[in-house]
């Protein structure tokens, strides 16, 4: 009888000793199961399956080497410019300060800000710097000539990059501009390169160019 009790006690002790290991094994198995969804989410993030910030599609993003100099936030950022009409948006971009001065000199701020769905080919400060200073000063002082030049940079509808591949468009000046290129490389009138394209403002698509366009 005593032998039977001793055997039962030994079995109970052995079972008690094994119980923690069994619970640990169940716990480890549960952890593996919970980790799988997290791993799948990480994989999706790595492959870019999630939508970009703000839900903007990649194809709608600005492109070109000069885009790197645009501030990441604030009124002069791409998001900031998208909220303002074009003349106001340009005034927040330091690279377009000469253009903004010219627009003010010509009295075109309200005209551009109130226009509906236009495209602006916007010369950078460096583009204006290519013009001899005496000539540039003379143009800035001649409101009629300045207006002709600036309105030659504006098309009366929004143009997508695809439309620039082989296009010819009437400007507000009534002259024509031609565009060629593909992907992220475009030229205007075979003289000006688009250095930052597909920039959105509240009422315009802007293509920043490295040369001032001159009407015939």
N, C-alpha and C. Protein backbone atom coordinates (compact mmCIF):
# COMPACT_ATOMS: atom_id res chain seq x y z
N UNK A 1 0.83 -1.20 0.00
CA UNK A 1 0.00 0.00 0.00
C UNK A 1 0.86 1.25 0.00
N UNK A 2 1.92 1.21 0.82
CA UNK A 2 2.82 2.35 0.87
C UNK A 2 3.54 2.53 -0.46
N UNK A 3 3.86 1.41 -1.11
CA UNK A 3 4.53 1.45 -2.43
C UNK A 3 3.65 2.13 -3.46
N UNK A 4 2.36 1.88 -3.44
CA UNK A 4 1.42 2.49 -4.38
C UNK A 4 1.36 4.00 -4.17
N UNK A 5 1.34 4.44 -2.92
CA UNK A 5 1.28 5.87 -2.62
C UNK A 5 2.54 6.58 -3.10
N UNK A 6 3.67 5.88 -2.94
CA UNK A 6 4.95 6.48 -3.36
C UNK A 6 4.96 6.68 -4.87
N UNK A 7 4.47 5.67 -5.63
CA UNK A 7 4.42 5.78 -7.10
C UNK A 7 3.53 6.94 -7.55
N UNK A 8 2.34 7.06 -6.92
CA UNK A 8 1.42 8.15 -7.28
C UNK A 8 2.04 9.51 -7.01
N UNK A 9 2.73 9.62 -5.90
CA UNK A 9 3.37 10.90 -5.55
C UNK A 9 4.46 11.25 -6.56
N UNK A 10 5.19 10.25 -7.01
CA UNK A 10 6.26 10.48 -7.99
C UNK A 10 5.69 10.95 -9.31
N UNK A 11 4.56 10.34 -9.72
CA UNK A 11 3.91 10.74 -10.97
C UNK A 11 3.42 12.17 -10.88
N UNK A 12 2.85 12.53 -9.74
CA UNK A 12 2.34 13.89 -9.54
C UNK A 12 3.47 14.90 -9.61
N UNK A 13 4.60 14.57 -8.97
CA UNK A 13 5.74 15.48 -9.00
C UNK A 13 6.26 15.66 -10.42
N UNK A 14 6.33 14.55 -11.18
CA UNK A 14 6.80 14.63 -12.57
C UNK A 14 5.88 15.47 -13.43
N UNK A 15 4.57 15.31 -13.24
CA UNK A 15 3.60 16.09 -14.01
C UNK A 15 3.72 17.57 -13.69
N UNK A 16 3.92 17.87 -12.40
CA UNK A 16 4.07 19.27 -12.00
C UNK A 16 5.32 19.88 -12.60
N UNK A 17 6.36 19.06 -12.70
CA UNK A 17 7.63 19.55 -13.27
C UNK A 17 7.49 19.82 -14.76
N UNK A 18 6.71 19.01 -15.47
CA UNK A 18 6.55 19.16 -16.93
C UNK A 18 5.59 20.28 -17.30
N UNK A 19 4.68 20.65 -16.40
CA UNK A 19 3.64 21.63 -16.73
C UNK A 19 4.20 22.98 -17.18
N UNK A 20 5.20 23.56 -16.50
CA UNK A 20 5.72 24.86 -16.96
C UNK A 20 6.28 24.80 -18.38
N UNK A 21 6.94 23.66 -18.71
CA UNK A 21 7.51 23.54 -20.06
C UNK A 21 6.42 23.47 -21.11
N UNK A 22 5.29 22.80 -20.78
CA UNK A 22 4.16 22.71 -21.72
C UNK A 22 3.54 24.09 -21.94
N UNK A 23 3.39 24.87 -20.87
CA UNK A 23 2.82 26.21 -20.99
C UNK A 23 3.73 27.12 -21.79
N UNK A 24 5.04 26.98 -21.56
CA UNK A 24 6.00 27.80 -22.30
C UNK A 24 5.94 27.50 -23.78
N UNK A 25 5.79 26.22 -24.13
CA UNK A 25 5.71 25.83 -25.53
C UNK A 25 4.47 26.41 -26.17
N UNK A 26 3.32 26.39 -25.44
CA UNK A 26 2.09 26.97 -25.99
C UNK A 26 2.24 28.46 -26.17
N UNK A 27 2.89 29.10 -25.18
CA UNK A 27 3.09 30.54 -25.26
C UNK A 27 3.95 30.90 -26.45
N UNK A 28 5.04 30.15 -26.71
CA UNK A 28 5.92 30.42 -27.85
C UNK A 28 5.17 30.26 -29.15
N UNK A 29 4.31 29.23 -29.22
CA UNK A 29 3.54 29.00 -30.44
C UNK A 29 2.60 30.16 -30.70
N UNK A 30 1.95 30.68 -29.62
CA UNK A 30 1.04 31.81 -29.78
C UNK A 30 1.78 33.04 -30.26
N UNK A 31 3.02 33.26 -29.78
CA UNK A 31 3.80 34.42 -30.20
C UNK A 31 4.11 34.36 -31.68
N UNK A 32 4.44 33.17 -32.18
CA UNK A 32 4.75 33.01 -33.61
C UNK A 32 3.54 33.36 -34.45
N UNK A 33 2.36 32.96 -34.00
CA UNK A 33 1.16 33.21 -34.78
C UNK A 33 0.86 34.70 -34.85
N UNK A 34 1.08 35.43 -33.75
CA UNK A 34 0.81 36.85 -33.73
C UNK A 34 1.82 37.65 -34.52
N UNK A 35 3.04 37.15 -34.66
CA UNK A 35 4.10 37.88 -35.36
C UNK A 35 3.88 37.90 -36.85
N UNK A 36 3.16 36.91 -37.39
CA UNK A 36 2.99 36.81 -38.84
C UNK A 36 2.34 38.03 -39.47
N UNK A 37 1.19 38.54 -38.95
CA UNK A 37 0.60 39.72 -39.56
C UNK A 37 1.54 40.92 -39.55
N UNK A 38 2.31 41.10 -38.43
CA UNK A 38 3.24 42.22 -38.37
C UNK A 38 4.30 42.11 -39.46
N UNK A 39 4.78 40.88 -39.69
CA UNK A 39 5.78 40.67 -40.73
C UNK A 39 5.21 41.00 -42.10
N UNK A 40 3.96 40.60 -42.34
CA UNK A 40 3.32 40.89 -43.62
C UNK A 40 3.18 42.39 -43.83
N UNK A 41 2.84 43.12 -42.76
CA UNK A 41 2.71 44.57 -42.87
C UNK A 41 4.05 45.20 -43.21
N UNK A 42 5.13 44.68 -42.57
CA UNK A 42 6.46 45.20 -42.86
C UNK A 42 6.83 44.97 -44.31
N UNK A 43 6.49 43.78 -44.82
CA UNK A 43 6.79 43.47 -46.22
C UNK A 43 6.05 44.40 -47.16
N UNK A 44 4.78 44.71 -46.83
CA UNK A 44 4.00 45.61 -47.67
C UNK A 44 4.61 46.99 -47.68
N UNK A 45 5.09 47.43 -46.50
CA UNK A 45 5.72 48.75 -46.44
C UNK A 45 6.98 48.80 -47.27
N UNK A 46 7.76 47.69 -47.22
CA UNK A 46 9.02 47.66 -47.96
C UNK A 46 8.79 47.67 -49.46
N UNK A 47 7.72 47.04 -49.90
CA UNK A 47 7.46 46.97 -51.34
C UNK A 47 6.67 48.17 -51.85
N UNK A 48 6.28 49.06 -50.92
CA UNK A 48 5.59 50.28 -51.34
C UNK A 48 4.14 50.08 -51.69
N UNK A 49 3.51 49.03 -51.09
CA UNK A 49 2.10 48.77 -51.40
C UNK A 49 1.18 49.82 -50.78
N UNK A 50 1.62 50.47 -49.71
CA UNK A 50 0.77 51.48 -49.09
C UNK A 50 0.78 52.75 -49.90
N UNK A 51 -0.29 53.55 -49.79
CA UNK A 51 -0.39 54.79 -50.55
C UNK A 51 0.58 55.82 -50.02
N UNK A 52 1.16 56.66 -50.89
CA UNK A 52 2.05 57.71 -50.43
C UNK A 52 1.32 58.69 -49.53
N UNK A 53 2.07 59.47 -48.77
CA UNK A 53 1.48 60.45 -47.86
C UNK A 53 0.53 61.37 -48.61
N UNK A 54 -0.64 61.57 -48.04
CA UNK A 54 -1.62 62.46 -48.66
C UNK A 54 -2.38 61.82 -49.80
N UNK A 55 -2.09 60.54 -50.11
CA UNK A 55 -2.79 59.85 -51.18
C UNK A 55 -2.40 60.30 -52.56
N UNK A 56 -1.27 61.01 -52.71
CA UNK A 56 -0.86 61.50 -54.01
C UNK A 56 -0.19 60.38 -54.80
N UNK A 57 -0.58 60.20 -56.05
CA UNK A 57 0.02 59.18 -56.88
C UNK A 57 1.39 59.64 -57.34
N UNK A 58 2.30 58.66 -57.51
CA UNK A 58 3.67 58.98 -57.90
C UNK A 58 3.71 59.75 -59.21
N UNK A 59 2.85 59.39 -60.16
CA UNK A 59 2.86 60.05 -61.46
C UNK A 59 2.46 61.51 -61.42
N UNK A 60 1.86 61.94 -60.32
CA UNK A 60 1.43 63.33 -60.18
C UNK A 60 2.48 64.20 -59.49
N UNK A 61 3.60 63.61 -59.14
CA UNK A 61 4.61 64.35 -58.39
C UNK A 61 5.43 65.26 -59.31
N UNK A 62 5.90 66.39 -58.77
CA UNK A 62 6.84 67.23 -59.54
C UNK A 62 8.11 66.44 -59.85
N UNK A 63 8.79 66.83 -60.91
CA UNK A 63 10.00 66.11 -61.30
C UNK A 63 11.03 67.09 -61.84
N UNK A 64 12.28 66.68 -61.83
CA UNK A 64 13.36 67.50 -62.37
C UNK A 64 14.39 67.84 -61.32
N UNK A 65 15.62 68.12 -61.73
CA UNK A 65 16.72 68.36 -60.78
C UNK A 65 16.52 69.55 -59.85
N UNK A 66 15.85 70.61 -60.33
CA UNK A 66 15.67 71.80 -59.49
C UNK A 66 14.61 71.60 -58.41
N UNK A 67 13.83 70.53 -58.50
CA UNK A 67 12.80 70.28 -57.49
C UNK A 67 13.42 70.00 -56.13
N UNK A 68 14.67 69.52 -56.13
CA UNK A 68 15.33 69.19 -54.86
C UNK A 68 15.55 70.41 -53.99
N UNK A 69 15.58 71.59 -54.58
CA UNK A 69 15.83 72.81 -53.80
C UNK A 69 14.55 73.42 -53.22
N UNK A 70 13.41 72.86 -53.56
CA UNK A 70 12.13 73.37 -53.03
C UNK A 70 11.99 72.95 -51.57
N UNK A 71 11.62 73.88 -50.67
CA UNK A 71 11.48 73.54 -49.25
C UNK A 71 10.52 72.38 -49.03
N UNK A 72 10.78 71.60 -47.99
CA UNK A 72 9.94 70.45 -47.70
C UNK A 72 8.62 70.81 -47.04
N UNK A 73 8.55 72.00 -46.45
CA UNK A 73 7.31 72.41 -45.78
C UNK A 73 7.18 73.92 -45.84
N UNK A 74 5.99 74.41 -45.50
CA UNK A 74 5.74 75.84 -45.51
C UNK A 74 5.12 76.31 -46.81
N UNK A 75 4.92 77.62 -46.93
CA UNK A 75 4.24 78.19 -48.10
C UNK A 75 5.00 77.94 -49.40
N UNK A 76 6.34 77.83 -49.31
CA UNK A 76 7.13 77.61 -50.51
C UNK A 76 7.30 76.16 -50.90
N UNK A 77 6.76 75.23 -50.13
CA UNK A 77 6.82 73.81 -50.45
C UNK A 77 5.80 73.47 -51.52
N UNK A 78 5.89 72.27 -52.07
CA UNK A 78 4.93 71.86 -53.10
C UNK A 78 3.50 71.86 -52.54
N UNK A 79 3.34 71.37 -51.31
CA UNK A 79 2.01 71.37 -50.70
C UNK A 79 1.52 72.79 -50.46
N UNK A 80 2.43 73.67 -50.04
CA UNK A 80 2.06 75.06 -49.80
C UNK A 80 1.66 75.77 -51.07
N UNK A 81 2.45 75.58 -52.15
CA UNK A 81 2.14 76.24 -53.42
C UNK A 81 0.82 75.75 -54.01
N UNK A 82 0.48 74.50 -53.74
CA UNK A 82 -0.77 73.95 -54.27
C UNK A 82 -2.00 74.65 -53.70
N UNK A 83 -1.84 75.33 -52.56
CA UNK A 83 -2.97 76.00 -51.93
C UNK A 83 -3.16 77.43 -52.42
N UNK A 84 -2.15 78.00 -53.08
CA UNK A 84 -2.20 79.41 -53.49
C UNK A 84 -2.33 79.56 -55.00
N UNK A 85 -2.93 80.66 -55.47
CA UNK A 85 -2.92 80.94 -56.92
C UNK A 85 -1.49 81.21 -57.37
N UNK A 86 -1.27 81.11 -58.68
CA UNK A 86 0.08 80.97 -59.19
C UNK A 86 1.03 82.11 -58.87
N UNK A 87 0.59 83.37 -58.98
CA UNK A 87 1.50 84.49 -58.70
C UNK A 87 1.90 84.51 -57.23
N UNK A 88 0.96 84.21 -56.36
CA UNK A 88 1.25 84.13 -54.92
C UNK A 88 2.18 82.97 -54.63
N UNK A 89 1.92 81.82 -55.24
CA UNK A 89 2.76 80.64 -55.04
C UNK A 89 4.19 80.92 -55.49
N UNK A 90 4.35 81.59 -56.63
CA UNK A 90 5.69 81.90 -57.15
C UNK A 90 6.43 82.83 -56.20
N UNK A 91 5.71 83.73 -55.56
CA UNK A 91 6.35 84.68 -54.65
C UNK A 91 6.95 84.00 -53.43
N UNK A 92 6.51 82.77 -53.16
CA UNK A 92 7.04 82.01 -52.02
C UNK A 92 8.21 81.11 -52.40
N UNK A 93 8.61 81.15 -53.67
CA UNK A 93 9.72 80.34 -54.15
C UNK A 93 10.91 81.26 -54.43
N UNK A 94 11.97 81.20 -53.64
CA UNK A 94 13.11 82.11 -53.80
C UNK A 94 13.75 82.05 -55.19
N UNK A 95 13.66 80.91 -55.86
CA UNK A 95 14.28 80.75 -57.18
C UNK A 95 13.54 81.50 -58.27
N UNK A 96 12.34 82.02 -57.94
CA UNK A 96 11.52 82.73 -58.94
C UNK A 96 11.36 84.21 -58.59
N UNK A 97 12.24 84.75 -57.77
CA UNK A 97 12.07 86.12 -57.30
C UNK A 97 12.15 87.16 -58.43
N UNK A 98 13.02 86.91 -59.43
CA UNK A 98 13.10 87.86 -60.56
C UNK A 98 11.82 87.83 -61.37
N UNK A 99 11.27 86.65 -61.59
CA UNK A 99 10.01 86.53 -62.30
C UNK A 99 8.90 87.26 -61.55
N UNK A 100 8.87 87.10 -60.25
CA UNK A 100 7.84 87.76 -59.43
C UNK A 100 7.97 89.28 -59.54
N UNK A 101 9.20 89.77 -59.52
CA UNK A 101 9.42 91.21 -59.70
C UNK A 101 8.90 91.68 -61.05
N UNK A 102 9.17 90.89 -62.09
CA UNK A 102 8.72 91.25 -63.43
C UNK A 102 7.20 91.25 -63.52
N UNK A 103 6.57 90.26 -62.90
CA UNK A 103 5.11 90.17 -62.91
C UNK A 103 4.50 91.39 -62.21
N UNK A 104 5.10 91.81 -61.11
CA UNK A 104 4.61 92.99 -60.41
C UNK A 104 4.81 94.25 -61.25
N UNK A 105 5.97 94.35 -61.90
CA UNK A 105 6.26 95.51 -62.73
C UNK A 105 5.25 95.63 -63.87
N UNK A 106 4.83 94.49 -64.41
CA UNK A 106 3.88 94.49 -65.52
C UNK A 106 2.43 94.62 -65.04
N UNK A 107 2.21 94.57 -63.75
CA UNK A 107 0.84 94.66 -63.23
C UNK A 107 0.00 93.43 -63.52
N UNK A 108 0.65 92.24 -63.53
CA UNK A 108 -0.04 91.01 -63.92
C UNK A 108 -0.37 90.09 -62.74
N UNK A 109 -0.12 90.55 -61.52
CA UNK A 109 -0.37 89.68 -60.37
C UNK A 109 -1.82 89.24 -60.31
N UNK A 110 -2.75 90.19 -60.36
CA UNK A 110 -4.18 89.84 -60.28
C UNK A 110 -4.62 89.04 -61.50
N UNK A 111 -4.09 89.39 -62.67
CA UNK A 111 -4.46 88.66 -63.89
C UNK A 111 -4.12 87.18 -63.76
N UNK A 112 -2.91 86.89 -63.28
CA UNK A 112 -2.48 85.50 -63.16
C UNK A 112 -3.20 84.80 -62.00
N UNK A 113 -3.36 85.48 -60.90
CA UNK A 113 -4.02 84.85 -59.74
C UNK A 113 -5.50 84.55 -60.00
N UNK A 114 -6.14 85.36 -60.84
CA UNK A 114 -7.58 85.18 -61.09
C UNK A 114 -7.87 84.31 -62.32
N UNK A 115 -6.84 83.95 -63.06
CA UNK A 115 -7.04 83.11 -64.25
C UNK A 115 -7.48 81.71 -63.83
N UNK A 116 -8.22 81.04 -64.71
CA UNK A 116 -8.71 79.70 -64.42
C UNK A 116 -7.93 78.66 -65.23
N UNK A 117 -7.37 77.68 -64.54
CA UNK A 117 -6.74 76.53 -65.21
C UNK A 117 -5.77 76.95 -66.32
N UNK A 118 -4.61 77.43 -65.94
CA UNK A 118 -3.60 77.84 -66.91
C UNK A 118 -2.32 77.04 -66.69
N UNK A 119 -1.40 77.18 -67.63
CA UNK A 119 -0.05 76.61 -67.50
C UNK A 119 0.93 77.76 -67.60
N UNK A 120 1.89 77.77 -66.68
CA UNK A 120 2.91 78.82 -66.69
C UNK A 120 4.29 78.17 -66.85
N UNK A 121 5.03 78.63 -67.85
CA UNK A 121 6.43 78.26 -67.98
C UNK A 121 7.22 79.35 -67.25
N UNK A 122 7.74 79.01 -66.08
CA UNK A 122 8.29 80.01 -65.17
C UNK A 122 9.82 80.01 -65.20
N UNK A 123 10.43 81.07 -65.75
CA UNK A 123 11.90 81.13 -65.78
C UNK A 123 12.49 81.37 -64.38
N UNK A 124 13.58 80.69 -64.10
CA UNK A 124 14.26 80.87 -62.82
C UNK A 124 15.06 82.18 -62.81
N UNK A 125 15.58 82.54 -61.66
CA UNK A 125 16.48 83.70 -61.57
C UNK A 125 17.68 83.53 -62.49
N UNK A 126 18.22 82.30 -62.56
CA UNK A 126 19.37 82.04 -63.42
C UNK A 126 19.00 82.24 -64.90
N UNK A 127 17.75 81.95 -65.24
CA UNK A 127 17.31 82.16 -66.63
C UNK A 127 17.35 83.65 -66.98
N UNK A 128 16.86 84.48 -66.08
CA UNK A 128 16.90 85.94 -66.31
C UNK A 128 18.35 86.45 -66.32
N UNK A 129 19.20 85.79 -65.53
CA UNK A 129 20.60 86.23 -65.45
C UNK A 129 21.36 85.99 -66.76
N UNK A 130 20.83 85.15 -67.63
CA UNK A 130 21.45 84.93 -68.94
C UNK A 130 21.29 86.15 -69.85
N UNK A 131 20.30 86.98 -69.56
CA UNK A 131 20.06 88.19 -70.37
C UNK A 131 21.03 89.28 -69.89
N UNK A 132 21.74 89.94 -70.79
CA UNK A 132 22.63 91.03 -70.37
C UNK A 132 21.89 92.03 -69.50
N UNK A 133 22.53 92.49 -68.43
CA UNK A 133 21.86 93.33 -67.44
C UNK A 133 21.23 94.58 -68.06
N UNK A 134 21.92 95.21 -68.99
CA UNK A 134 21.37 96.43 -69.62
C UNK A 134 20.07 96.11 -70.35
N UNK A 135 20.06 94.97 -71.05
CA UNK A 135 18.85 94.56 -71.79
C UNK A 135 17.72 94.22 -70.83
N UNK A 136 18.06 93.50 -69.75
CA UNK A 136 17.03 93.12 -68.77
C UNK A 136 16.44 94.36 -68.10
N UNK A 137 17.30 95.29 -67.74
CA UNK A 137 16.81 96.53 -67.11
C UNK A 137 15.89 97.30 -68.06
N UNK A 138 16.24 97.29 -69.34
CA UNK A 138 15.42 98.00 -70.33
C UNK A 138 14.05 97.34 -70.46
N UNK A 139 14.02 96.01 -70.45
CA UNK A 139 12.74 95.29 -70.55
C UNK A 139 11.89 95.54 -69.31
N UNK A 140 12.51 95.49 -68.14
CA UNK A 140 11.77 95.71 -66.90
C UNK A 140 11.18 97.11 -66.82
N UNK A 141 11.82 98.03 -67.52
CA UNK A 141 11.34 99.41 -67.51
C UNK A 141 10.29 99.67 -68.59
N UNK A 142 10.10 98.72 -69.49
CA UNK A 142 9.14 98.86 -70.59
C UNK A 142 7.95 97.94 -70.32
N UNK A 143 6.90 98.50 -69.73
CA UNK A 143 5.77 97.68 -69.29
C UNK A 143 5.12 96.93 -70.45
N UNK A 144 4.97 97.55 -71.60
CA UNK A 144 4.33 96.91 -72.75
C UNK A 144 5.16 95.71 -73.22
N UNK A 145 6.47 95.89 -73.34
CA UNK A 145 7.34 94.80 -73.76
C UNK A 145 7.37 93.69 -72.72
N UNK A 146 7.45 94.08 -71.46
CA UNK A 146 7.47 93.10 -70.37
C UNK A 146 6.20 92.26 -70.37
N UNK A 147 5.06 92.91 -70.59
CA UNK A 147 3.79 92.19 -70.64
C UNK A 147 3.76 91.19 -71.78
N UNK A 148 4.29 91.58 -72.94
CA UNK A 148 4.34 90.67 -74.09
C UNK A 148 5.18 89.43 -73.78
N UNK A 149 6.32 89.65 -73.15
CA UNK A 149 7.21 88.52 -72.82
C UNK A 149 6.58 87.60 -71.79
N UNK A 150 6.04 88.17 -70.73
CA UNK A 150 5.47 87.35 -69.66
C UNK A 150 4.25 86.58 -70.10
N UNK A 151 3.36 87.21 -70.86
CA UNK A 151 2.16 86.50 -71.31
C UNK A 151 2.48 85.43 -72.35
N UNK A 152 3.67 85.54 -72.95
CA UNK A 152 4.12 84.48 -73.87
C UNK A 152 4.49 83.21 -73.12
N UNK A 153 4.65 83.32 -71.82
CA UNK A 153 4.98 82.16 -70.99
C UNK A 153 3.75 81.48 -70.40
N UNK A 154 2.56 81.93 -70.81
CA UNK A 154 1.33 81.42 -70.21
C UNK A 154 0.42 80.81 -71.28
N UNK A 155 -0.03 79.59 -71.02
CA UNK A 155 -0.99 78.90 -71.91
C UNK A 155 -2.32 78.83 -71.18
N UNK A 156 -3.41 79.01 -71.90
CA UNK A 156 -4.73 79.14 -71.29
C UNK A 156 -5.39 77.85 -70.86
N UNK A 157 -4.65 76.82 -70.58
CA UNK A 157 -5.21 75.58 -70.03
C UNK A 157 -4.10 74.82 -69.31
N UNK A 158 -4.51 73.93 -68.42
CA UNK A 158 -3.54 73.12 -67.71
C UNK A 158 -2.97 72.05 -68.63
N UNK A 159 -1.65 71.94 -68.69
CA UNK A 159 -1.00 70.94 -69.52
C UNK A 159 -0.34 69.88 -68.64
N UNK A 160 -0.57 68.63 -68.98
CA UNK A 160 0.08 67.53 -68.27
C UNK A 160 1.43 67.25 -68.93
N UNK A 161 2.33 66.55 -68.23
CA UNK A 161 3.61 66.20 -68.85
C UNK A 161 3.44 65.43 -70.16
N UNK A 162 2.45 64.56 -70.21
CA UNK A 162 2.22 63.78 -71.43
C UNK A 162 1.90 64.68 -72.62
N UNK A 163 1.19 65.76 -72.38
CA UNK A 163 0.85 66.68 -73.47
C UNK A 163 2.06 67.46 -73.98
N UNK A 164 3.13 67.50 -73.19
CA UNK A 164 4.33 68.22 -73.60
C UNK A 164 5.24 67.39 -74.50
N UNK A 165 4.92 66.11 -74.68
CA UNK A 165 5.83 65.23 -75.42
C UNK A 165 6.06 65.69 -76.85
N UNK A 166 5.05 66.21 -77.47
CA UNK A 166 5.19 66.75 -78.82
C UNK A 166 4.03 67.71 -79.05
N UNK A 167 4.13 68.89 -78.43
CA UNK A 167 2.98 69.79 -78.44
C UNK A 167 3.26 71.15 -79.02
N UNK A 168 2.18 71.82 -79.38
CA UNK A 168 2.23 73.20 -79.86
C UNK A 168 1.02 73.91 -79.27
N UNK A 169 1.26 74.99 -78.51
CA UNK A 169 0.19 75.60 -77.75
C UNK A 169 0.17 77.12 -77.91
N UNK A 170 -1.05 77.66 -78.04
CA UNK A 170 -1.18 79.11 -78.15
C UNK A 170 -1.06 79.74 -76.76
N UNK A 171 -0.33 80.81 -76.66
CA UNK A 171 -0.12 81.49 -75.38
C UNK A 171 -1.10 82.66 -75.26
N UNK A 172 -1.12 83.26 -74.07
CA UNK A 172 -1.95 84.45 -73.88
C UNK A 172 -1.47 85.61 -74.74
N UNK A 173 -0.23 85.55 -75.17
CA UNK A 173 0.35 86.56 -76.07
C UNK A 173 -0.13 86.34 -77.51
N UNK A 174 -0.78 85.18 -77.75
CA UNK A 174 -1.28 84.74 -79.06
C UNK A 174 -0.20 84.08 -79.92
N UNK A 175 1.06 84.14 -79.47
CA UNK A 175 2.10 83.39 -80.17
C UNK A 175 2.05 81.93 -79.76
N UNK A 176 2.81 81.08 -80.42
CA UNK A 176 2.82 79.65 -80.15
C UNK A 176 4.12 79.24 -79.46
N UNK A 177 3.99 78.31 -78.51
CA UNK A 177 5.18 77.66 -77.94
C UNK A 177 5.12 76.18 -78.31
N UNK A 178 6.28 75.61 -78.54
CA UNK A 178 6.34 74.18 -78.85
C UNK A 178 7.08 73.45 -77.74
N UNK A 179 6.68 72.23 -77.49
CA UNK A 179 7.30 71.43 -76.43
C UNK A 179 7.64 70.05 -76.97
N UNK A 180 8.74 69.51 -76.50
CA UNK A 180 9.16 68.16 -76.89
C UNK A 180 9.76 67.46 -75.67
N UNK A 181 9.81 66.15 -75.72
CA UNK A 181 10.45 65.38 -74.66
C UNK A 181 9.61 64.21 -74.22
N UNK A 182 10.04 63.58 -73.13
CA UNK A 182 9.32 62.44 -72.57
C UNK A 182 9.85 62.18 -71.17
N UNK A 183 9.10 61.36 -70.43
CA UNK A 183 9.53 61.00 -69.09
C UNK A 183 9.66 62.21 -68.19
N UNK A 184 10.90 62.53 -67.81
CA UNK A 184 11.15 63.69 -66.96
C UNK A 184 12.09 64.67 -67.64
N UNK A 185 12.16 64.63 -68.97
CA UNK A 185 13.05 65.52 -69.73
C UNK A 185 12.25 66.20 -70.84
N UNK A 186 12.10 67.53 -70.73
CA UNK A 186 11.31 68.28 -71.70
C UNK A 186 12.00 69.58 -72.07
N UNK A 187 11.77 70.02 -73.29
CA UNK A 187 12.26 71.31 -73.77
C UNK A 187 11.08 72.15 -74.26
N UNK A 188 11.25 73.47 -74.15
CA UNK A 188 10.26 74.41 -74.66
C UNK A 188 10.94 75.27 -75.71
N UNK A 189 10.34 75.31 -76.90
CA UNK A 189 10.91 76.05 -78.04
C UNK A 189 12.34 75.65 -78.37
N UNK A 190 12.70 74.41 -78.01
CA UNK A 190 14.05 73.88 -78.28
C UNK A 190 15.16 74.69 -77.62
N UNK A 191 14.82 75.61 -76.73
CA UNK A 191 15.85 76.44 -76.09
C UNK A 191 15.84 76.33 -74.57
N UNK A 192 14.69 76.08 -73.98
CA UNK A 192 14.57 76.07 -72.52
C UNK A 192 14.32 74.65 -72.02
N UNK A 193 15.09 74.24 -71.02
CA UNK A 193 14.88 72.95 -70.38
C UNK A 193 13.96 73.10 -69.18
N UNK A 194 13.04 72.15 -69.01
CA UNK A 194 12.21 72.11 -67.81
C UNK A 194 13.07 71.53 -66.69
N UNK A 195 13.32 72.34 -65.66
CA UNK A 195 14.19 71.89 -64.56
C UNK A 195 13.40 71.43 -63.34
N UNK A 196 12.13 71.81 -63.28
CA UNK A 196 11.23 71.29 -62.25
C UNK A 196 9.82 71.38 -62.82
N UNK A 197 9.27 70.24 -63.18
CA UNK A 197 7.99 70.25 -63.88
C UNK A 197 6.85 69.68 -63.08
N UNK A 198 5.64 69.96 -63.56
CA UNK A 198 4.41 69.44 -62.97
C UNK A 198 4.19 69.93 -61.54
N UNK A 199 4.52 71.21 -61.32
CA UNK A 199 4.28 71.83 -60.02
C UNK A 199 2.85 72.38 -60.02
N UNK A 200 2.07 72.00 -59.03
CA UNK A 200 0.66 72.40 -58.99
C UNK A 200 0.47 73.62 -58.10
N UNK A 201 -0.33 74.57 -58.58
CA UNK A 201 -0.83 75.65 -57.73
C UNK A 201 -2.35 75.58 -57.78
N UNK A 202 -2.99 76.46 -57.05
CA UNK A 202 -4.46 76.40 -56.97
C UNK A 202 -5.12 76.57 -58.33
N UNK A 203 -4.49 77.31 -59.25
CA UNK A 203 -5.14 77.56 -60.54
C UNK A 203 -4.23 77.30 -61.74
N UNK A 204 -3.09 76.66 -61.52
CA UNK A 204 -2.17 76.47 -62.64
C UNK A 204 -1.27 75.25 -62.47
N UNK A 205 -0.79 74.75 -63.60
CA UNK A 205 0.33 73.81 -63.62
C UNK A 205 1.56 74.62 -64.02
N UNK A 206 2.63 74.46 -63.28
CA UNK A 206 3.84 75.25 -63.52
C UNK A 206 4.98 74.35 -63.95
N UNK A 207 5.70 74.79 -64.98
CA UNK A 207 6.92 74.12 -65.43
C UNK A 207 8.04 75.15 -65.33
N UNK A 208 8.93 74.95 -64.38
CA UNK A 208 10.02 75.89 -64.16
C UNK A 208 11.11 75.62 -65.20
N UNK A 209 11.55 76.68 -65.92
CA UNK A 209 12.48 76.52 -67.03
C UNK A 209 13.76 77.33 -66.81
N UNK A 210 14.82 76.95 -67.54
CA UNK A 210 16.13 77.57 -67.30
C UNK A 210 16.48 78.68 -68.29
N UNK A 211 15.54 79.05 -69.17
CA UNK A 211 15.78 80.10 -70.16
C UNK A 211 14.50 80.90 -70.37
N UNK A 212 14.61 82.20 -70.50
CA UNK A 212 13.45 83.05 -70.77
C UNK A 212 13.04 82.87 -72.23
N UNK A 213 11.74 82.66 -72.45
CA UNK A 213 11.20 82.50 -73.80
C UNK A 213 10.96 83.88 -74.43
N UNK A 214 11.40 84.04 -75.64
CA UNK A 214 11.22 85.33 -76.32
C UNK A 214 10.26 85.20 -77.49
N UNK A 215 9.15 85.96 -77.47
CA UNK A 215 8.21 85.91 -78.61
C UNK A 215 8.84 86.50 -79.84
N UNK A 216 8.37 86.04 -81.00
CA UNK A 216 8.91 86.57 -82.27
C UNK A 216 8.43 88.00 -82.47
